[in-house]
Amino acid sequence: MMRAVVPAAFLLACMVAVAQAQEWARKMFEVTSHDFGTIARGSKAEYEFVFTNKYLAEVHVAAARSSCGCTSVSIKQPSLKTYERGFIVARINSDSFLGQQEATITVRFDHPQPAEVQLQVRVFVRSDLVLEPACISLGDIDHRSPAERQLSVTHYGRDDWKIIDVKSGNPRLTAEAIETLRSANSVVYTLCVRLSKDAPPGHVREHLLLITNDAGPSQIPVLVQGRVMTAVAVSPATLFLGVVPPGGTVTKQIVVRAKTPFRILAVKPECACLKIEVPREDGPKKIHLIPVTFVAADQPGKVSKTIRIETDLDQAVAELTAYAAVSKLQEP
């Protein structure tokens, strides 16, 4: 009897140890599952699983794979320093797979130590509803400029099918569904989407909801994506200064650019720990390079501060956030 108990207890202890070893990686993810709901055939359906390096050691994703061909997977930012964010992008192959689909995405880390995290996705792809093109792509839009795009929504099999409303969670994004064809076998609508000129700078990624008269799931999402460009842009959008020992310093460079030449009037960091001296220029330029030096405090801690850049280009202002960790390196 004792001979059977000992191996079982040893196996249980090993399983617990393995689960604990994986926990550091799972803690980086904001969520580990996503339900796309019901979508149209051919529509673009993507979800970004966000994970943040909460540790002082650099994190690296070695691979990410899906258990089902219904879902394609890609990795954005596989190597992460402290505070940096990465994305595991799950995309439904709605043109090839119909009906109910489920997939498990396995994300494998190889640094600072081996670990795996499993992500779950599910979706129902309708075969009787088609979007052309797959989404509303606004592209790059100048700030304070409106934008308008269209796509076609086609339903097959019912002559009484209707879109009765279009809902948007963004007050600056509106849409209207206009019926353009109705026959015994199909119904066609043109979806007109408008982004107002007062949309703030930054990426646009929203879902409109088509409300239909279907007896079953009556809401169909339509992805709207694009980017509202500022007069002045700064890169990187987030400045990661890394892990700095107490009392140490690190210098990195930011790039400020615009379509037309401009001058930088002032650079205002939120904290005195950020030392910034604007280089003297002979005149307006389209691109300015600005070094930023971080001076670490004597005590360990995390730093997250805003840098504000003021220009003479229609009083345009650019902002970015600088992150740093003051500490000695340690493993998670």
Protein backbone atom coordinates (compact mmCIF):
# COMPACT_ATOMS: atom_id res chain seq x y z
CA MET A 1 0.00 0.00 0.00
CA MET A 2 2.74 2.48 0.93
CA ARG A 3 4.58 1.79 -2.33
CA ALA A 4 1.52 3.04 -4.29
CA VAL A 5 0.99 6.10 -2.11
CA VAL A 6 4.53 7.47 -2.38
CA PRO A 7 4.69 7.68 -6.21
CA ALA A 8 1.22 9.29 -6.28
CA ALA A 9 2.22 11.90 -3.73
CA PHE A 10 5.44 12.58 -5.61
CA LEU A 11 3.51 13.03 -8.88
CA LEU A 12 1.09 15.45 -7.21
CA ALA A 13 3.99 17.48 -5.81
CA CYS A 14 5.55 17.68 -9.27
CA MET A 15 2.28 18.85 -10.79
CA VAL A 16 1.94 21.58 -8.19
CA ALA A 17 5.54 22.69 -8.77
CA VAL A 18 4.97 22.89 -12.54
CA ALA A 19 1.77 24.92 -12.07
CA GLN A 20 3.57 27.35 -9.77
CA ALA A 21 6.41 27.69 -12.28
CA GLN A 22 3.88 28.74 -14.97
CA GLU A 23 2.13 31.25 -12.72
CA TRP A 24 4.63 34.07 -13.24
CA ALA A 25 3.82 34.13 -16.96
CA ARG A 26 0.05 33.93 -16.55
CA LYS A 27 0.10 36.92 -14.18
CA MET A 28 1.30 39.14 -17.02
CA PHE A 29 -1.94 38.68 -19.01
CA GLU A 30 -4.91 40.95 -18.45
CA VAL A 31 -7.33 38.27 -19.71
CA THR A 32 -6.83 34.71 -20.95
CA SER A 33 -10.08 34.13 -22.90
CA HIS A 34 -12.20 35.95 -25.46
CA ASP A 35 -15.57 35.24 -27.06
CA PHE A 36 -15.99 36.93 -30.45
CA GLY A 37 -19.71 36.16 -30.40
CA THR A 38 -21.45 35.87 -33.77
CA ILE A 39 -19.71 37.37 -36.82
CA ALA A 40 -20.35 37.52 -40.58
CA ARG A 41 -18.53 35.34 -43.07
CA GLY A 42 -15.47 37.08 -44.46
CA SER A 43 -15.41 39.75 -41.75
CA LYS A 44 -12.20 40.75 -39.99
CA ALA A 45 -12.25 39.63 -36.38
CA GLU A 46 -9.13 40.15 -34.30
CA TYR A 47 -8.43 40.28 -30.59
CA GLU A 48 -5.21 41.33 -28.86
CA PHE A 49 -4.35 39.48 -25.66
CA VAL A 50 -2.31 42.07 -23.78
CA PHE A 51 0.53 41.07 -21.47
CA THR A 52 2.84 43.37 -19.50
CA ASN A 53 6.29 42.58 -18.18
CA LYS A 54 5.90 43.23 -14.44
CA TYR A 55 9.39 41.97 -13.70
CA LEU A 56 12.89 43.40 -13.78
CA ALA A 57 14.24 40.65 -16.02
CA GLU A 58 13.59 40.81 -19.77
CA VAL A 59 10.77 38.55 -20.97
CA HIS A 60 10.78 36.77 -24.33
CA VAL A 61 8.02 34.90 -26.17
CA ALA A 62 9.52 32.01 -28.12
CA ALA A 63 6.34 30.93 -29.94
CA ALA A 64 2.55 31.03 -30.03
CA ARG A 65 0.42 28.42 -31.77
CA SER A 66 -3.28 27.68 -32.22
CA SER A 67 -4.94 24.30 -31.80
CA CYS A 68 -7.32 25.05 -34.69
CA GLY A 69 -6.90 26.36 -38.22
CA CYS A 70 -9.89 28.59 -37.61
CA THR A 71 -7.59 30.97 -35.71
CA SER A 72 -4.31 32.48 -36.86
CA VAL A 73 -1.87 33.79 -34.27
CA SER A 74 0.84 36.44 -34.39
CA ILE A 75 3.09 38.06 -31.79
CA LYS A 76 3.63 41.79 -31.39
CA GLN A 77 6.67 42.78 -29.36
CA PRO A 78 8.03 39.31 -28.41
CA SER A 79 10.85 40.77 -26.27
CA LEU A 80 9.75 42.94 -23.35
CA LYS A 81 11.77 44.99 -20.93
CA THR A 82 10.30 46.12 -17.61
CA TYR A 83 6.85 47.73 -18.07
CA GLU A 84 6.76 47.06 -21.79
CA ARG A 85 3.60 45.55 -23.25
CA GLY A 86 3.26 42.81 -25.82
CA PHE A 87 0.31 41.41 -27.73
CA ILE A 88 -0.76 37.95 -28.80
CA VAL A 89 -3.06 38.63 -31.76
CA ALA A 90 -5.79 36.07 -32.48
CA ARG A 91 -7.46 36.42 -35.88
CA ILE A 92 -10.48 34.37 -36.95
CA ASN A 93 -10.24 32.90 -40.46
CA SER A 94 -13.90 33.66 -41.15
CA ASP A 95 -13.63 33.13 -44.90
CA SER A 96 -12.66 29.45 -44.48
CA PHE A 97 -14.30 28.26 -41.25
CA LEU A 98 -18.04 28.53 -40.58
CA GLY A 99 -20.29 27.73 -37.64
CA GLN A 100 -19.14 27.29 -34.05
CA GLN A 101 -15.34 27.34 -33.65
CA GLU A 102 -13.10 27.13 -30.59
CA ALA A 103 -9.33 27.26 -30.26
CA THR A 104 -6.66 27.10 -27.59
CA ILE A 105 -3.62 29.33 -28.13
CA THR A 106 -0.47 28.14 -26.40
CA VAL A 107 2.07 30.89 -25.70
CA ARG A 108 5.56 29.63 -24.89
CA PHE A 109 8.10 31.75 -23.01
CA ASP A 110 11.80 30.86 -22.93
CA HIS A 111 13.15 33.75 -20.84
CA PRO A 112 13.70 34.47 -18.00
CA GLN A 113 12.57 30.88 -17.46
CA PRO A 114 10.46 28.39 -19.44
CA ALA A 115 6.69 28.70 -19.08
CA GLU A 116 3.49 28.26 -21.07
CA VAL A 117 0.20 30.15 -20.96
CA GLN A 118 -2.97 28.94 -22.64
CA LEU A 119 -5.48 31.39 -24.10
CA GLN A 120 -9.00 30.47 -25.20
CA VAL A 121 -11.05 31.92 -28.08
CA ARG A 122 -14.47 31.02 -29.45
CA VAL A 123 -16.67 32.34 -32.24
CA PHE A 124 -19.72 31.54 -34.36
CA VAL A 125 -19.30 32.42 -38.06
CA ARG A 126 -22.55 32.89 -39.98
CA SER A 127 -22.67 31.42 -43.48
CA ASP A 128 -25.67 33.48 -44.62
CA LEU A 129 -24.13 36.92 -43.96
CA VAL A 130 -21.15 38.42 -45.84
CA LEU A 131 -19.19 41.67 -45.43
CA GLU A 132 -17.24 43.18 -48.34
CA PRO A 133 -14.61 44.39 -47.60
CA ALA A 134 -13.81 42.59 -44.36
CA CYS A 135 -13.85 45.78 -42.24
CA ILE A 136 -13.95 49.57 -42.39
CA SER A 137 -10.36 50.74 -42.86
CA LEU A 138 -10.00 54.49 -42.33
CA GLY A 139 -6.24 54.53 -42.91
CA ASP A 140 -4.23 57.54 -41.72
CA ILE A 141 -6.37 60.64 -41.21
CA ASP A 142 -5.09 64.13 -40.54
CA HIS A 143 -6.21 65.56 -37.21
CA ARG A 144 -9.30 67.77 -37.50
CA SER A 145 -10.24 66.15 -40.81
CA PRO A 146 -13.43 64.05 -41.15
CA ALA A 147 -13.41 60.64 -42.82
CA GLU A 148 -16.07 58.50 -44.50
CA ARG A 149 -15.93 54.90 -45.73
CA GLN A 150 -18.42 52.25 -46.90
CA LEU A 151 -18.83 48.50 -47.01
CA SER A 152 -21.47 46.11 -48.35
CA VAL A 153 -23.55 43.81 -46.14
CA THR A 154 -25.24 40.92 -47.97
CA HIS A 155 -27.69 38.43 -46.46
CA TYR A 156 -28.71 35.25 -48.30
CA GLY A 157 -31.80 33.07 -47.88
CA ARG A 158 -34.50 35.43 -46.55
CA ASP A 159 -36.37 38.18 -48.37
CA ASP A 160 -37.61 39.77 -45.11
CA TRP A 161 -34.19 40.22 -43.46
CA LYS A 162 -33.45 43.73 -42.21
CA ILE A 163 -30.88 45.87 -40.43
CA ILE A 164 -33.03 47.85 -38.03
CA ASP A 165 -30.29 49.87 -36.30
CA VAL A 166 -26.54 50.50 -36.11
CA LYS A 167 -25.00 51.14 -32.69
CA SER A 168 -21.68 52.80 -31.92
CA GLY A 169 -19.97 53.12 -28.56
CA ASN A 170 -17.98 56.11 -29.82
CA PRO A 171 -19.91 59.40 -30.18
CA ARG A 172 -17.44 60.55 -32.85
CA LEU A 173 -18.10 57.45 -34.96
CA THR A 174 -21.51 57.22 -36.64
CA ALA A 175 -22.98 54.89 -39.23
CA GLU A 176 -26.06 54.42 -41.38
CA ALA A 177 -27.28 51.26 -43.13
CA ILE A 178 -28.94 51.99 -46.50
CA GLU A 179 -30.83 49.20 -48.27
CA THR A 180 -29.70 48.92 -51.90
CA LEU A 181 -31.18 45.59 -53.06
CA ARG A 182 -33.93 43.19 -52.01
CA SER A 183 -34.77 40.02 -53.95
CA ALA A 184 -36.16 36.56 -53.25
CA ASN A 185 -32.70 35.20 -52.39
CA SER A 186 -30.70 38.11 -51.05
CA VAL A 187 -30.78 41.48 -49.31
CA VAL A 188 -27.97 44.03 -49.68
CA TYR A 189 -27.19 47.07 -47.52
CA THR A 190 -24.50 49.72 -47.86
CA LEU A 191 -23.02 50.66 -44.51
CA CYS A 192 -21.83 54.29 -44.49
CA VAL A 193 -19.40 55.06 -41.65
CA ARG A 194 -18.27 58.55 -40.67
CA LEU A 195 -15.57 59.70 -38.25
CA SER A 196 -16.04 63.30 -37.13
CA LYS A 197 -13.30 65.90 -37.42
CA ASP A 198 -13.08 66.31 -33.63
CA ALA A 199 -11.85 62.72 -33.13
CA PRO A 200 -8.78 62.82 -30.87
CA PRO A 201 -5.33 61.83 -32.17
CA GLY A 202 -4.37 58.19 -31.88
CA HIS A 203 -5.43 54.78 -33.11
CA VAL A 204 -9.08 54.09 -33.90
CA ARG A 205 -10.23 50.56 -33.17
CA GLU A 206 -13.95 50.26 -32.60
CA HIS A 207 -16.76 47.83 -33.31
CA LEU A 208 -20.07 48.95 -34.74
CA LEU A 209 -23.02 46.67 -34.01
CA LEU A 210 -25.53 45.89 -36.75
CA ILE A 211 -28.89 45.23 -35.08
CA THR A 212 -30.96 42.87 -37.23
CA ASN A 213 -34.42 41.32 -37.08
CA ASP A 214 -32.97 37.80 -36.66
CA ALA A 215 -34.74 35.61 -34.13
CA GLY A 216 -31.40 34.27 -32.87
CA PRO A 217 -28.26 36.35 -32.31
CA SER A 218 -29.27 39.74 -33.74
CA GLN A 219 -26.06 41.76 -33.26
CA ILE A 220 -23.29 41.58 -35.86
CA PRO A 221 -20.00 43.40 -35.16
CA VAL A 222 -18.19 45.40 -37.84
CA LEU A 223 -14.58 46.38 -37.15
CA VAL A 224 -13.55 50.00 -37.77
CA GLN A 225 -9.84 50.78 -37.65
CA GLY A 226 -7.52 53.62 -38.55
CA ARG A 227 -5.30 56.30 -37.08
CA VAL A 228 -5.83 60.00 -36.52
CA MET A 229 -2.50 61.72 -37.12
CA THR A 230 -1.38 64.72 -35.10
CA ALA A 231 0.37 67.70 -36.63
CA VAL A 232 3.39 66.72 -34.55
CA ALA A 233 4.26 63.09 -33.78
CA VAL A 234 6.75 61.70 -31.29
CA SER A 235 8.44 58.31 -31.29
CA PRO A 236 8.67 56.12 -29.47
CA ALA A 237 5.15 56.73 -28.21
CA THR A 238 6.27 55.29 -24.87
CA LEU A 239 9.86 55.71 -23.68
CA PHE A 240 11.14 52.66 -21.79
CA LEU A 241 14.27 53.61 -19.90
CA GLY A 242 14.85 50.12 -18.51
CA VAL A 243 16.18 48.97 -15.15
CA VAL A 244 18.60 51.46 -13.61
CA PRO A 245 20.62 50.90 -10.42
CA PRO A 246 20.06 53.37 -7.56
CA GLY A 247 21.93 56.59 -8.32
CA GLY A 248 22.60 55.52 -11.91
CA THR A 249 21.75 57.28 -15.15
CA VAL A 250 20.59 56.29 -18.61
CA THR A 251 20.13 58.40 -21.74
CA LYS A 252 17.80 57.66 -24.63
CA GLN A 253 16.61 59.65 -27.60
CA ILE A 254 13.17 60.66 -28.79
CA VAL A 255 12.26 61.80 -32.29
CA VAL A 256 9.74 64.59 -32.92
CA ARG A 257 8.53 65.02 -36.49
CA ALA A 258 5.93 66.78 -38.63
CA LYS A 259 5.06 67.16 -42.31
CA THR A 260 6.19 70.80 -42.32
CA PRO A 261 9.21 72.45 -40.64
CA PHE A 262 8.67 73.60 -37.05
CA ARG A 263 10.46 74.73 -33.90
CA ILE A 264 10.34 73.19 -30.45
CA LEU A 265 9.41 75.86 -27.95
CA ALA A 266 9.76 73.84 -24.75
CA VAL A 267 10.06 70.31 -23.37
CA LYS A 268 8.49 69.92 -19.94
CA PRO A 269 9.10 66.69 -18.00
CA GLU A 270 6.79 65.89 -15.11
CA CYS A 271 9.72 64.98 -12.86
CA ALA A 272 13.11 66.56 -12.11
CA CYS A 273 14.58 63.07 -12.48
CA LEU A 274 14.25 63.54 -16.26
CA LYS A 275 16.93 65.87 -17.60
CA ILE A 276 16.15 67.27 -21.04
CA GLU A 277 17.99 69.99 -22.92
CA VAL A 278 16.58 70.96 -26.29
CA PRO A 279 19.41 71.19 -28.84
CA ARG A 280 19.88 74.61 -30.42
CA GLU A 281 18.67 74.71 -34.01
CA ASP A 282 19.44 77.14 -36.82
CA GLY A 283 15.82 77.17 -37.95
CA PRO A 284 12.62 75.15 -38.32
CA LYS A 285 13.03 71.46 -39.22
CA LYS A 286 10.73 68.55 -39.98
CA ILE A 287 12.63 66.24 -37.58
CA HIS A 288 14.07 67.02 -34.15
CA LEU A 289 16.18 64.63 -32.03
CA ILE A 290 15.96 65.16 -28.28
CA PRO A 291 18.10 63.24 -25.75
CA VAL A 292 16.40 62.34 -22.46
CA THR A 293 18.52 61.46 -19.40
CA PHE A 294 16.99 59.69 -16.43
CA VAL A 295 18.72 60.09 -13.06
CA ALA A 296 17.69 57.31 -10.70
CA ALA A 297 16.91 58.00 -7.04
CA ASP A 298 18.81 56.31 -4.25
CA GLN A 299 15.80 54.22 -3.26
CA PRO A 300 14.33 51.39 -5.38
CA GLY A 301 10.98 51.98 -7.01
CA LYS A 302 9.05 52.40 -10.22
CA VAL A 303 8.90 55.62 -12.24
CA SER A 304 6.16 56.65 -14.67
CA LYS A 305 6.28 60.28 -15.78
CA THR A 306 4.90 62.37 -18.66
CA ILE A 307 7.00 64.48 -21.04
CA ARG A 308 5.20 67.36 -22.77
CA ILE A 309 6.64 68.85 -25.97
CA GLU A 310 5.40 72.26 -27.11
CA THR A 311 5.95 73.51 -30.69
CA ASP A 312 5.24 76.56 -32.83
CA LEU A 313 3.25 74.53 -35.38
CA ASP A 314 -0.28 75.81 -34.73
CA GLN A 315 0.52 75.44 -31.01
CA ALA A 316 0.67 71.67 -31.51
CA VAL A 317 1.66 69.65 -28.43
CA ALA A 318 2.99 66.10 -28.24
CA GLU A 319 3.15 63.96 -25.11
CA LEU A 320 4.72 60.67 -24.19
CA THR A 321 5.20 58.64 -21.02
CA ALA A 322 8.63 57.61 -19.72
CA TYR A 323 8.95 54.44 -17.62
CA ALA A 324 11.85 53.17 -15.53
CA ALA A 325 12.60 50.81 -12.65
CA VAL A 326 15.18 51.64 -10.01
CA SER A 327 16.48 48.33 -8.69
CA LYS A 328 18.97 45.54 -9.06
CA LEU A 329 18.05 42.81 -11.52
CA GLN A 330 16.01 39.92 -10.17
CA GLU A 331 14.23 36.96 -11.67
CA PRO A 332 10.43 36.54 -11.40
